[in-house]
Amino acid sequence: MPGHHLSDQQVFLFMVERRHHTQSVAAAKAGISERSARRIENDPRLPSQKKQGRHWRTRADPLEPFWPRIEELLKIDGILAVTIFETLQDEFGEEAVPDRIRRTLERRIARWRALHGEEKEIFFPQRHESGRQGLSDFTVCDDLKVTITGEPFAHRLYHFRLACSGWEHAAVVLGGESFAALSEHLQDALWKLGGVPVEHRSDSLSAAYKNLDADAQRDFTRSYDDLCRHYGMIATRNNRGEAHENGSIEGPHGHLKRRLDQALRRRGSRDFDSLGAWRDFVEAEVAKQNRRKARLVDEERRLLGRLPAHRTTDFAMIAVDVSRNGTVPIDRVIYSVPSRLVGRRLHAHLFDDRIDLFLGPDKVMTTPRVRMPHPQRGHQIDFRHMIANLRRKPGALRNLVYRDALFPAHAYRRAWQAFDDQLDAHQACRDTVALLDIAARGDCVDALALRIDAALDAGRLPDVTALRQEFLPTLRARHEVTIPPPDPRGYNSLLTSMELR
């Protein structure tokens, strides 16, 4: 076509068609003119073989007066082309260095750096030996914009992957990077996989070390090494700040989150009824991807090491003393415990999403683990632990430090505010404690909350007496039982029957 240069592909096509057609027909099929066809037959070289660019300039180089200064600026490490351009305008004036030559400068600098610049870092593709390496890492999932019952859900994913076959395991992590999260979910992955790779590689764990002192860091490292030793794996780490050294897991992070994002788009909603529902969703998507690699995974499974007889510790453990308040402090959060444990020392097993409390060998309770950003503090209070004492001292509710955390649902907080506004101080405390007592004894927190909200929405206070009759089973009236005295004549009949025998 006029105004367009011939390409190598057009020449190839013309030469093929020329074997079976006339020159004009072959030229038409190749999309070229007959004149170009004659030129090709006279000189069969490809355009790329005979094309020679012009080596002379048709106008003055606008950068020639400033090039020595540009080369001086290029010696500054990390300097940008736009910074060099602005420097030239500051030093020589905008008339001498007009805006229209900026793009010319950027192209010239890019070419100079390609010919004379510093060496760039390159990445070396690796051949992964089957059964050799498994990798772990954590990735932030805020971009997925998942919500739980309408509330934004900030979390991470723990991600394990076999470098060779690509088998992977992912788990929702509520807190940050920690040994408890790493140990629990790594062991889940290994037992689900059914074998152990020779080497386990992680990043430098700098996020896990962030808020730990030197002793805690050494303890973390020792625990991690013991974990890998228990499973017979070699523990390795990449250098701090060099994420590409963990490339076999860093790249798949993006693939995993992209698949989850697409699955959420197909689902039509990013909101879930519960944390468990979101965890099931993630597990199903990961399992679907693993099924696509089933053949490779089965081949690698045969080369994995055997699992040990049992799991090892997958939690952090600390000792805590139960205060006179019936609470224990753990990681800047105050947790309530049954009042019968006041004065005792408990051992807390800290998992990623829960805390188990033990008195000696006996587990006394499990509570969800609460995360508070440093240096904030919080409370996790179960009103059932406090209600017996509050019944005896309801007035303590008014100025209770953790009063808001005591209410199991928003309806109870609304009831307290309404009682406090419309009743005297003592009666407001008594009625609020009475509602909590009904919820505890009747095990009806949610149902009672609906009744409380309905009353408040109707503009009246909850009727404590009516609610107690509705939710607490009434005691059956005791009936007097009269036992008549024995009839002595009955014994005579027994004696008679004995004589007859």
Protein backbone atom coordinates (compact mmCIF):
# COMPACT_ATOMS: atom_id res chain seq x y z
CA MET A 1 0.00 0.00 0.00
CA PRO A 2 1.24 3.55 -0.72
CA GLY A 3 3.01 5.15 2.24
CA HIS A 4 3.76 1.79 3.96
CA HIS A 5 7.04 -0.08 3.95
CA LEU A 6 7.17 -3.69 2.84
CA SER A 7 7.47 -6.25 5.60
CA ASP A 8 9.33 -9.53 5.59
CA GLN A 9 5.99 -11.36 5.90
CA GLN A 10 4.65 -9.74 2.72
CA VAL A 11 7.78 -10.73 0.80
CA PHE A 12 7.48 -14.32 2.04
CA LEU A 13 3.83 -14.44 1.04
CA PHE A 14 4.53 -13.03 -2.41
CA MET A 15 7.29 -15.53 -3.06
CA VAL A 16 5.05 -18.44 -2.02
CA GLU A 17 2.13 -17.27 -4.18
CA ARG A 18 4.44 -16.57 -7.12
CA ARG A 19 5.10 -20.29 -7.47
CA HIS A 20 1.50 -20.86 -8.61
CA HIS A 21 0.31 -17.48 -9.94
CA THR A 22 1.34 -14.68 -12.22
CA GLN A 23 3.26 -11.73 -10.85
CA SER A 24 0.17 -9.48 -10.67
CA VAL A 25 -2.00 -12.10 -8.93
CA ALA A 26 0.74 -12.99 -6.41
CA ALA A 27 1.28 -9.29 -5.70
CA ALA A 28 -2.45 -8.81 -5.07
CA LYS A 29 -2.57 -11.78 -2.70
CA ALA A 30 0.43 -10.39 -0.80
CA GLY A 31 -1.11 -6.93 -0.59
CA ILE A 32 1.68 -5.19 -2.52
CA SER A 33 1.91 -3.33 -5.81
CA GLU A 34 3.15 -4.85 -9.07
CA ARG A 35 6.05 -2.40 -8.99
CA SER A 36 7.09 -3.75 -5.59
CA ALA A 37 6.69 -7.28 -6.95
CA ARG A 38 9.10 -6.53 -9.82
CA ARG A 39 11.54 -5.04 -7.33
CA ILE A 40 11.39 -8.20 -5.19
CA GLU A 41 12.04 -10.46 -8.16
CA ASN A 42 15.03 -8.34 -9.14
CA ASP A 43 16.39 -8.39 -5.55
CA PRO A 44 15.01 -11.28 -3.44
CA ARG A 45 16.62 -10.07 -0.18
CA LEU A 46 14.23 -9.42 2.70
CA PRO A 47 13.54 -5.80 3.69
CA SER A 48 15.18 -6.42 7.07
CA GLN A 49 18.35 -7.56 5.28
CA LYS A 50 18.79 -4.54 3.07
CA LYS A 51 17.23 -1.78 5.13
CA GLN A 52 19.81 0.81 6.19
CA GLY A 53 18.83 3.76 8.33
CA ARG A 54 19.94 7.26 7.69
CA HIS A 55 23.14 8.10 9.56
CA TRP A 56 23.09 11.86 9.21
CA ARG A 57 20.97 14.46 10.97
CA THR A 58 18.54 16.70 9.12
CA ARG A 59 18.42 19.33 11.89
CA ALA A 60 20.57 20.53 14.76
CA ASP A 61 20.66 18.41 17.93
CA PRO A 62 18.77 20.45 20.59
CA LEU A 63 20.57 18.63 23.41
CA GLU A 64 24.15 18.98 22.16
CA PRO A 65 24.92 22.19 24.14
CA PHE A 66 23.73 20.60 27.37
CA TRP A 67 24.99 17.04 27.00
CA PRO A 68 28.15 17.42 29.16
CA ARG A 69 25.94 18.66 32.00
CA ILE A 70 23.45 15.85 31.39
CA GLU A 71 26.21 13.25 31.71
CA GLU A 72 27.28 14.80 35.02
CA LEU A 73 23.73 14.52 36.32
CA LEU A 74 23.44 10.93 35.11
CA LYS A 75 26.19 9.96 37.55
CA ILE A 76 23.78 10.65 40.44
CA ASP A 77 22.36 7.31 41.57
CA GLY A 78 18.61 6.95 40.98
CA ILE A 79 18.08 10.34 39.35
CA LEU A 80 15.05 10.54 37.05
CA ALA A 81 14.96 11.95 33.53
CA VAL A 82 12.32 14.50 34.54
CA THR A 83 14.59 15.70 37.36
CA ILE A 84 17.42 16.21 34.86
CA PHE A 85 15.07 18.12 32.56
CA GLU A 86 13.90 20.42 35.36
CA THR A 87 17.53 20.97 36.43
CA LEU A 88 18.45 22.05 32.88
CA GLN A 89 15.54 24.49 32.82
CA ASP A 90 16.59 25.92 36.19
CA GLU A 91 20.24 26.34 35.08
CA PHE A 92 19.86 27.40 31.42
CA GLY A 93 16.36 28.84 31.34
CA GLU A 94 13.11 27.64 29.81
CA GLU A 95 13.82 29.43 26.52
CA ALA A 96 17.04 27.48 26.00
CA VAL A 97 15.43 24.23 27.25
CA PRO A 98 11.80 24.37 26.06
CA ASP A 99 9.18 21.85 27.17
CA ARG A 100 8.95 20.37 23.67
CA ILE A 101 12.39 18.71 23.96
CA ARG A 102 11.52 16.84 27.17
CA ARG A 103 10.51 13.65 25.35
CA THR A 104 13.66 13.82 23.22
CA LEU A 105 15.71 14.08 26.41
CA GLU A 106 13.93 11.07 27.97
CA ARG A 107 14.57 8.91 24.88
CA ARG A 108 18.22 9.98 24.74
CA ILE A 109 18.75 9.23 28.45
CA ALA A 110 17.09 5.81 28.10
CA ARG A 111 19.39 4.98 25.17
CA TRP A 112 22.49 6.25 27.03
CA ARG A 113 21.64 4.12 30.07
CA ALA A 114 21.16 1.06 27.84
CA LEU A 115 24.60 1.60 26.27
CA HIS A 116 26.63 3.05 29.13
CA GLY A 117 24.57 2.72 32.31
CA GLU A 118 25.12 0.50 35.33
CA GLU A 119 24.49 -3.21 35.35
CA LYS A 120 20.91 -4.15 36.18
CA GLU A 121 19.82 -6.99 38.41
CA ILE A 122 18.68 -10.09 36.58
CA PHE A 123 16.68 -13.03 37.83
CA PHE A 124 17.78 -16.60 37.33
CA PRO A 125 15.07 -19.15 36.50
CA GLN A 126 15.36 -22.23 38.68
CA ARG A 127 14.71 -25.91 38.03
CA HIS A 128 12.76 -27.29 41.00
CA GLU A 129 13.46 -30.84 42.06
CA SER A 130 10.33 -32.84 42.85
CA GLY A 131 9.77 -33.32 46.57
CA ARG A 132 12.56 -30.95 47.46
CA GLN A 133 11.09 -27.62 48.53
CA GLY A 134 7.96 -26.25 50.19
CA LEU A 135 7.50 -22.54 50.79
CA SER A 136 5.47 -20.50 53.28
CA ASP A 137 4.55 -16.85 53.43
CA PHE A 138 1.81 -14.47 54.55
CA THR A 139 0.00 -12.03 52.28
CA VAL A 140 -2.34 -9.13 53.15
CA CYS A 141 -5.84 -9.47 51.64
CA ASP A 142 -7.30 -5.99 52.17
CA ASP A 143 -7.64 -5.56 48.38
CA LEU A 144 -10.24 -8.35 48.29
CA LYS A 145 -12.58 -6.09 50.34
CA VAL A 146 -14.23 -9.02 52.09
CA THR A 147 -16.84 -8.18 54.74
CA ILE A 148 -18.31 -10.33 57.53
CA THR A 149 -21.96 -9.48 58.20
CA GLY A 150 -21.36 -6.11 56.57
CA GLU A 151 -18.25 -5.21 58.58
CA PRO A 152 -14.88 -4.77 56.81
CA PHE A 153 -12.65 -7.74 57.53
CA ALA A 154 -8.93 -6.99 57.67
CA HIS A 155 -6.90 -10.19 57.54
CA ARG A 156 -4.02 -12.07 55.97
CA LEU A 157 -3.72 -15.39 54.23
CA TYR A 158 -1.10 -17.95 55.18
CA HIS A 159 0.05 -19.54 51.92
CA PHE A 160 2.01 -22.80 51.55
CA ARG A 161 3.12 -24.16 48.20
CA LEU A 162 5.23 -26.97 46.77
CA ALA A 163 7.75 -25.42 44.41
CA CYS A 164 7.68 -28.24 41.85
CA SER A 165 4.05 -29.35 41.43
CA GLY A 166 2.44 -26.14 42.70
CA TRP A 167 0.20 -27.86 45.29
CA GLU A 168 -0.94 -25.17 47.72
CA HIS A 169 -2.74 -24.58 50.98
CA ALA A 170 -4.19 -21.30 52.19
CA ALA A 171 -5.68 -20.34 55.56
CA VAL A 172 -7.24 -17.14 56.89
CA VAL A 173 -5.05 -15.49 59.54
CA LEU A 174 -6.67 -12.98 61.89
CA GLY A 175 -3.56 -11.49 63.44
CA GLY A 176 -0.15 -10.67 62.04
CA GLU A 177 2.72 -12.96 61.22
CA SER A 178 3.46 -15.03 64.30
CA PHE A 179 4.94 -18.37 65.23
CA ALA A 180 1.50 -19.63 66.31
CA ALA A 181 0.02 -18.85 62.89
CA LEU A 182 3.03 -20.25 61.02
CA SER A 183 3.20 -23.44 63.09
CA GLU A 184 -0.53 -24.20 63.11
CA HIS A 185 -1.14 -23.66 59.41
CA LEU A 186 2.14 -25.17 58.21
CA GLN A 187 1.29 -28.36 60.07
CA ASP A 188 -2.25 -28.27 58.66
CA ALA A 189 -0.73 -28.07 55.17
CA LEU A 190 1.70 -30.95 55.73
CA TRP A 191 -0.93 -33.29 57.16
CA LYS A 192 -3.36 -32.41 54.40
CA LEU A 193 -0.60 -33.04 51.84
CA GLY A 194 0.31 -36.33 53.46
CA GLY A 195 4.07 -35.88 53.28
CA VAL A 196 7.03 -33.65 54.04
CA PRO A 197 9.38 -31.90 51.59
CA VAL A 198 13.11 -31.98 52.21
CA GLU A 199 13.34 -28.21 52.72
CA HIS A 200 10.96 -25.60 54.06
CA ARG A 201 11.66 -22.03 52.94
CA SER A 202 10.15 -18.89 54.40
CA ASP A 203 10.86 -15.19 54.16
CA SER A 204 13.05 -13.48 56.74
CA LEU A 205 10.09 -13.36 59.20
CA SER A 206 10.89 -9.69 59.85
CA ALA A 207 7.17 -8.90 60.28
CA ALA A 208 6.90 -11.57 62.96
CA TYR A 209 9.96 -10.15 64.75
CA LYS A 210 8.73 -6.55 64.53
CA ASN A 211 7.40 -6.12 68.08
CA LEU A 212 9.62 -8.71 69.78
CA ASP A 213 12.61 -8.01 71.96
CA ALA A 214 15.92 -9.81 71.41
CA ASP A 215 15.08 -12.70 73.76
CA ALA A 216 11.68 -13.21 72.16
CA GLN A 217 13.26 -13.19 68.70
CA ARG A 218 15.74 -15.88 69.73
CA ASP A 219 12.89 -17.92 71.22
CA PHE A 220 10.90 -17.52 67.98
CA THR A 221 13.87 -18.68 65.91
CA ARG A 222 14.50 -21.65 68.21
CA SER A 223 10.82 -22.65 68.07
CA TYR A 224 10.78 -22.43 64.28
CA ASP A 225 13.93 -24.55 63.98
CA ASP A 226 12.45 -27.11 66.40
CA LEU A 227 9.26 -27.24 64.32
CA CYS A 228 11.17 -28.01 61.12
CA ARG A 229 13.37 -30.52 62.93
CA HIS A 230 10.29 -32.36 64.22
CA TYR A 231 9.15 -32.88 60.63
CA GLY A 232 12.64 -33.62 59.34
CA MET A 233 12.75 -30.54 57.12
CA ILE A 234 15.72 -28.26 56.51
CA ALA A 235 14.74 -24.74 57.59
CA THR A 236 15.90 -22.02 55.17
CA ARG A 237 15.09 -18.32 54.79
CA ASN A 238 15.64 -15.71 52.14
CA ASN A 239 17.60 -12.55 52.94
CA ARG A 240 15.73 -9.67 54.54
CA GLY A 241 14.16 -7.35 51.98
CA GLU A 242 14.82 -9.76 49.09
CA ALA A 243 11.31 -11.02 48.36
CA HIS A 244 12.32 -12.30 44.91
CA GLU A 245 14.42 -14.98 46.63
CA ASN A 246 11.08 -16.45 47.67
CA GLY A 247 9.72 -16.03 44.16
CA SER A 248 8.07 -19.46 44.03
CA ILE A 249 5.59 -18.23 46.65
CA GLU A 250 5.59 -14.45 46.12
CA GLY A 251 4.36 -14.71 42.52
CA PRO A 252 1.64 -17.27 43.37
CA HIS A 253 0.36 -14.86 46.07
CA GLY A 254 -0.89 -12.65 43.27
CA HIS A 255 -2.34 -15.61 41.34
CA LEU A 256 -4.19 -16.86 44.43
CA LYS A 257 -5.69 -13.47 45.25
CA ARG A 258 -6.63 -12.94 41.62
CA ARG A 259 -8.49 -16.27 41.58
CA LEU A 260 -10.26 -15.39 44.82
CA ASP A 261 -11.20 -11.98 43.42
CA GLN A 262 -12.65 -13.55 40.29
CA ALA A 263 -14.55 -16.12 42.34
CA LEU A 264 -15.98 -13.32 44.49
CA ARG A 265 -17.07 -11.49 41.34
CA ARG A 266 -18.84 -14.63 40.11
CA ARG A 267 -20.46 -15.01 43.52
CA GLY A 268 -21.89 -11.50 43.22
CA SER A 269 -21.12 -10.51 46.80
CA ARG A 270 -18.07 -10.08 49.01
CA ASP A 271 -20.06 -10.33 52.22
CA PHE A 272 -20.17 -13.54 54.28
CA ASP A 273 -22.40 -14.57 57.16
CA SER A 274 -19.49 -15.72 59.29
CA LEU A 275 -15.74 -16.13 59.39
CA GLY A 276 -16.26 -19.86 58.88
CA ALA A 277 -18.11 -19.24 55.61
CA TRP A 278 -15.21 -17.18 54.24
CA ARG A 279 -12.72 -19.84 55.32
CA ASP A 280 -14.76 -22.53 53.55
CA PHE A 281 -14.86 -20.35 50.42
CA VAL A 282 -11.06 -19.96 50.38
CA GLU A 283 -10.52 -23.67 50.99
CA ALA A 284 -12.88 -24.62 48.15
CA GLU A 285 -11.10 -22.34 45.66
CA VAL A 286 -7.67 -23.69 46.64
CA ALA A 287 -8.91 -27.29 46.38
CA LYS A 288 -10.28 -26.56 42.90
CA GLN A 289 -6.87 -25.33 41.78
CA ASN A 290 -5.11 -28.35 43.31
CA ARG A 291 -7.38 -30.71 41.37
CA ARG A 292 -6.13 -29.18 38.13
CA LYS A 293 -2.59 -30.21 39.10
CA ALA A 294 -3.54 -33.66 40.36
CA ARG A 295 -1.15 -35.59 38.10
CA LEU A 296 1.90 -33.50 39.03
CA VAL A 297 0.93 -33.54 42.71
CA ASP A 298 0.57 -37.32 42.76
CA GLU A 299 4.01 -37.69 41.20
CA GLU A 300 5.57 -35.38 43.80
CA ARG A 301 3.72 -37.01 46.71
CA ARG A 302 5.58 -40.25 46.04
CA LEU A 303 8.87 -38.44 46.68
CA LEU A 304 7.87 -36.66 49.90
CA GLY A 305 9.17 -37.73 53.28
CA ARG A 306 6.97 -39.49 55.83
CA LEU A 307 5.03 -37.56 58.43
CA PRO A 308 6.02 -37.98 62.09
CA ALA A 309 3.80 -39.92 64.48
CA HIS A 310 2.10 -36.78 65.77
CA ARG A 311 1.95 -33.01 65.42
CA THR A 312 4.13 -30.76 67.52
CA THR A 313 3.36 -27.54 69.35
CA ASP A 314 1.41 -25.12 67.20
CA PHE A 315 0.84 -22.40 69.76
CA ALA A 316 2.71 -19.98 72.00
CA MET A 317 2.39 -20.56 75.72
CA ILE A 318 2.48 -18.07 78.58
CA ALA A 319 1.58 -18.24 82.28
CA VAL A 320 -0.99 -15.75 83.61
CA ASP A 321 -2.36 -15.08 87.10
CA VAL A 322 -6.09 -14.54 87.59
CA SER A 323 -6.57 -11.16 89.28
CA ARG A 324 -9.12 -10.28 91.96
CA ASN A 325 -11.20 -8.84 89.12
CA GLY A 326 -11.65 -12.31 87.62
CA THR A 327 -9.56 -11.41 84.58
CA VAL A 328 -6.21 -12.25 82.98
CA PRO A 329 -4.09 -9.92 80.81
CA ILE A 330 -2.83 -11.39 77.52
CA ASP A 331 -1.16 -9.32 74.80
CA ARG A 332 -2.74 -5.96 75.79
CA VAL A 333 -6.23 -7.48 76.13
CA ILE A 334 -8.09 -8.25 79.38
CA TYR A 335 -9.98 -11.56 79.25
CA SER A 336 -12.58 -12.63 81.81
CA VAL A 337 -12.49 -16.11 83.36
CA PRO A 338 -14.84 -17.95 85.75
CA SER A 339 -14.65 -16.32 89.17
CA ARG A 340 -13.78 -19.63 90.86
CA LEU A 341 -10.32 -19.30 89.29
CA VAL A 342 -9.46 -16.06 91.09
CA GLY A 343 -5.98 -16.30 92.58
CA ARG A 344 -4.92 -19.27 90.44
CA ARG A 345 -2.15 -19.39 87.85
CA LEU A 346 -3.26 -20.52 84.39
CA HIS A 347 -1.31 -21.53 81.31
CA ALA A 348 -2.54 -19.86 78.14
CA HIS A 349 -2.04 -21.55 74.76
CA LEU A 350 -2.11 -18.76 72.17
CA PHE A 351 -3.34 -19.80 68.74
CA ASP A 352 -3.91 -17.43 65.87
CA ASP A 353 -7.67 -17.17 66.39
CA ARG A 354 -8.27 -18.44 69.93
CA ILE A 355 -6.79 -18.85 73.39
CA ASP A 356 -7.06 -22.05 75.44
CA LEU A 357 -6.62 -21.67 79.20
CA PHE A 358 -5.42 -24.58 81.34
CA LEU A 359 -5.26 -25.14 85.08
CA GLY A 360 -2.54 -27.75 85.24
CA PRO A 361 -3.53 -30.45 82.71
CA ASP A 362 -7.22 -29.44 82.70
CA LYS A 363 -8.61 -27.08 80.09
CA VAL A 364 -10.88 -24.58 81.82
CA MET A 365 -12.04 -22.47 78.88
CA THR A 366 -11.51 -21.35 75.30
CA THR A 367 -12.03 -17.76 74.17
CA PRO A 368 -11.67 -16.00 70.80
CA ARG A 369 -8.38 -14.14 70.53
CA VAL A 370 -8.74 -10.37 70.25
CA ARG A 371 -6.16 -8.32 68.32
CA MET A 372 -5.46 -4.73 69.28
CA PRO A 373 -3.12 -2.44 67.32
CA HIS A 374 -0.15 -1.32 69.37
CA PRO A 375 -0.32 0.48 71.83
CA GLN A 376 -4.12 0.25 72.26
CA ARG A 377 -5.70 -2.03 74.85
CA GLY A 378 -9.00 -3.87 74.87
CA HIS A 379 -11.35 -6.17 76.77
CA GLN A 380 -12.91 -9.56 75.97
CA ILE A 381 -15.52 -10.07 78.69
CA ASP A 382 -18.02 -12.92 78.96
CA PHE A 383 -20.90 -11.60 81.07
CA ARG A 384 -21.63 -15.14 82.27
CA HIS A 385 -18.39 -15.03 84.25
CA MET A 386 -19.54 -11.87 86.09
CA ILE A 387 -23.30 -12.26 86.48
CA ALA A 388 -23.32 -14.12 89.81
CA ASN A 389 -21.33 -11.34 91.46
CA LEU A 390 -23.31 -8.61 89.72
CA ARG A 391 -26.56 -10.02 91.10
CA ARG A 392 -25.16 -9.45 94.59
CA LYS A 393 -23.69 -6.02 93.72
CA PRO A 394 -25.68 -4.57 90.80
CA GLY A 395 -24.53 -1.03 91.57
CA ALA A 396 -21.01 -1.97 90.44
CA LEU A 397 -22.27 -1.90 86.85
CA ARG A 398 -22.48 1.90 86.67
CA ASN A 399 -18.76 2.70 86.77
CA LEU A 400 -17.44 -0.68 85.68
CA VAL A 401 -14.25 -0.22 83.60
CA TYR A 402 -15.27 -2.82 81.05
CA ARG A 403 -19.04 -2.16 81.19
CA ASP A 404 -19.44 -1.75 77.41
CA ALA A 405 -17.53 -4.98 76.76
CA LEU A 406 -19.80 -6.77 79.25
CA PHE A 407 -22.93 -6.45 77.08
CA PRO A 408 -23.25 -9.47 74.74
CA ALA A 409 -25.20 -7.55 72.08
CA HIS A 410 -26.08 -3.98 71.15
CA ALA A 411 -29.65 -4.40 72.44
CA TYR A 412 -28.40 -4.74 76.02
CA ARG A 413 -26.37 -1.55 75.68
CA ARG A 414 -29.49 0.22 74.41
CA ALA A 415 -31.47 -1.10 77.37
CA TRP A 416 -28.86 0.21 79.81
CA GLN A 417 -28.94 3.65 78.24
CA ALA A 418 -32.76 3.72 78.34
CA PHE A 419 -32.90 2.54 81.97
CA ASP A 420 -30.24 5.06 82.97
CA ASP A 421 -32.14 7.92 81.28
CA GLN A 422 -35.58 7.12 82.74
CA LEU A 423 -35.00 5.37 86.08
CA ASP A 424 -33.07 6.22 89.21
CA ALA A 425 -29.44 5.09 89.30
CA HIS A 426 -29.95 2.07 91.53
CA GLN A 427 -32.99 0.73 89.66
CA ALA A 428 -31.28 1.19 86.27
CA CYS A 429 -28.42 -1.04 87.41
CA ARG A 430 -30.78 -3.63 88.92
CA ASP A 431 -32.90 -3.92 85.77
CA THR A 432 -29.90 -4.12 83.45
CA VAL A 433 -28.30 -6.83 85.59
CA ALA A 434 -31.66 -8.62 85.64
CA LEU A 435 -31.70 -8.72 81.82
CA LEU A 436 -28.17 -10.12 81.78
CA ASP A 437 -29.20 -12.70 84.38
CA ILE A 438 -32.15 -13.82 82.23
CA ALA A 439 -29.85 -14.13 79.20
CA ALA A 440 -27.32 -16.18 81.17
CA ARG A 441 -29.73 -18.51 82.97
CA GLY A 442 -32.03 -18.98 79.97
CA ASP A 443 -29.20 -19.22 77.39
CA CYS A 444 -31.22 -16.85 75.21
CA VAL A 445 -28.92 -13.94 74.37
CA ASP A 446 -30.16 -13.45 70.81
CA ALA A 447 -33.86 -14.14 71.42
CA LEU A 448 -33.92 -11.82 74.41
CA ALA A 449 -32.11 -9.14 72.40
CA LEU A 450 -34.95 -9.22 69.85
CA ARG A 451 -37.52 -8.65 72.61
CA ILE A 452 -35.48 -5.78 74.06
CA ASP A 453 -35.11 -4.08 70.67
CA ALA A 454 -38.84 -4.47 69.97
CA ALA A 455 -39.75 -2.80 73.26
CA LEU A 456 -37.29 0.06 72.81
CA ASP A 457 -38.37 0.60 69.20
CA ALA A 458 -41.96 0.88 70.45
CA GLY A 459 -40.89 3.63 72.83
CA ARG A 460 -41.19 1.70 76.10
CA LEU A 461 -38.79 0.12 78.55
CA PRO A 462 -38.32 -3.65 78.56
CA ASP A 463 -40.56 -5.31 81.15
CA VAL A 464 -38.08 -7.31 83.21
CA THR A 465 -40.76 -9.29 85.04
CA ALA A 466 -42.57 -10.31 81.85
CA LEU A 467 -39.29 -11.27 80.17
CA ARG A 468 -38.26 -13.36 83.15
CA GLN A 469 -41.55 -15.26 83.03
CA GLU A 470 -41.16 -15.77 79.27
CA PHE A 471 -37.58 -17.00 79.13
CA LEU A 472 -36.96 -18.65 82.51
CA PRO A 473 -38.82 -21.87 83.28
CA THR A 474 -41.07 -21.47 86.30
CA LEU A 475 -40.55 -23.80 89.24
CA ARG A 476 -43.31 -26.34 89.65
CA ALA A 477 -45.31 -26.02 92.85
CA ARG A 478 -44.39 -28.57 95.47
CA HIS A 479 -47.29 -30.87 96.44
CA GLU A 480 -47.55 -32.33 99.95
CA VAL A 481 -47.35 -36.10 99.82
CA THR A 482 -49.08 -37.99 102.65
CA ILE A 483 -47.72 -41.46 103.41
CA PRO A 484 -50.28 -43.55 105.35
CA PRO A 485 -49.04 -45.65 108.31
CA PRO A 486 -48.54 -49.37 107.61
CA ASP A 487 -51.37 -51.83 108.43
CA PRO A 488 -50.11 -54.46 110.96
CA ARG A 489 -52.66 -56.96 109.66
CA GLY A 490 -50.67 -57.22 106.49
CA TYR A 491 -47.79 -58.76 108.43
CA ASN A 492 -50.19 -61.45 109.87
CA SER A 493 -51.11 -62.49 106.36
CA LEU A 494 -47.44 -62.85 105.54
CA LEU A 495 -46.90 -65.09 108.60
CA THR A 496 -49.85 -67.26 107.61
CA SER A 497 -48.50 -67.79 104.12
CA MET A 498 -45.12 -68.79 105.60
CA GLU A 499 -46.77 -71.45 107.84
CA LEU A 500 -48.61 -72.97 104.90
CA ARG A 501 -45.27 -73.57 103.21
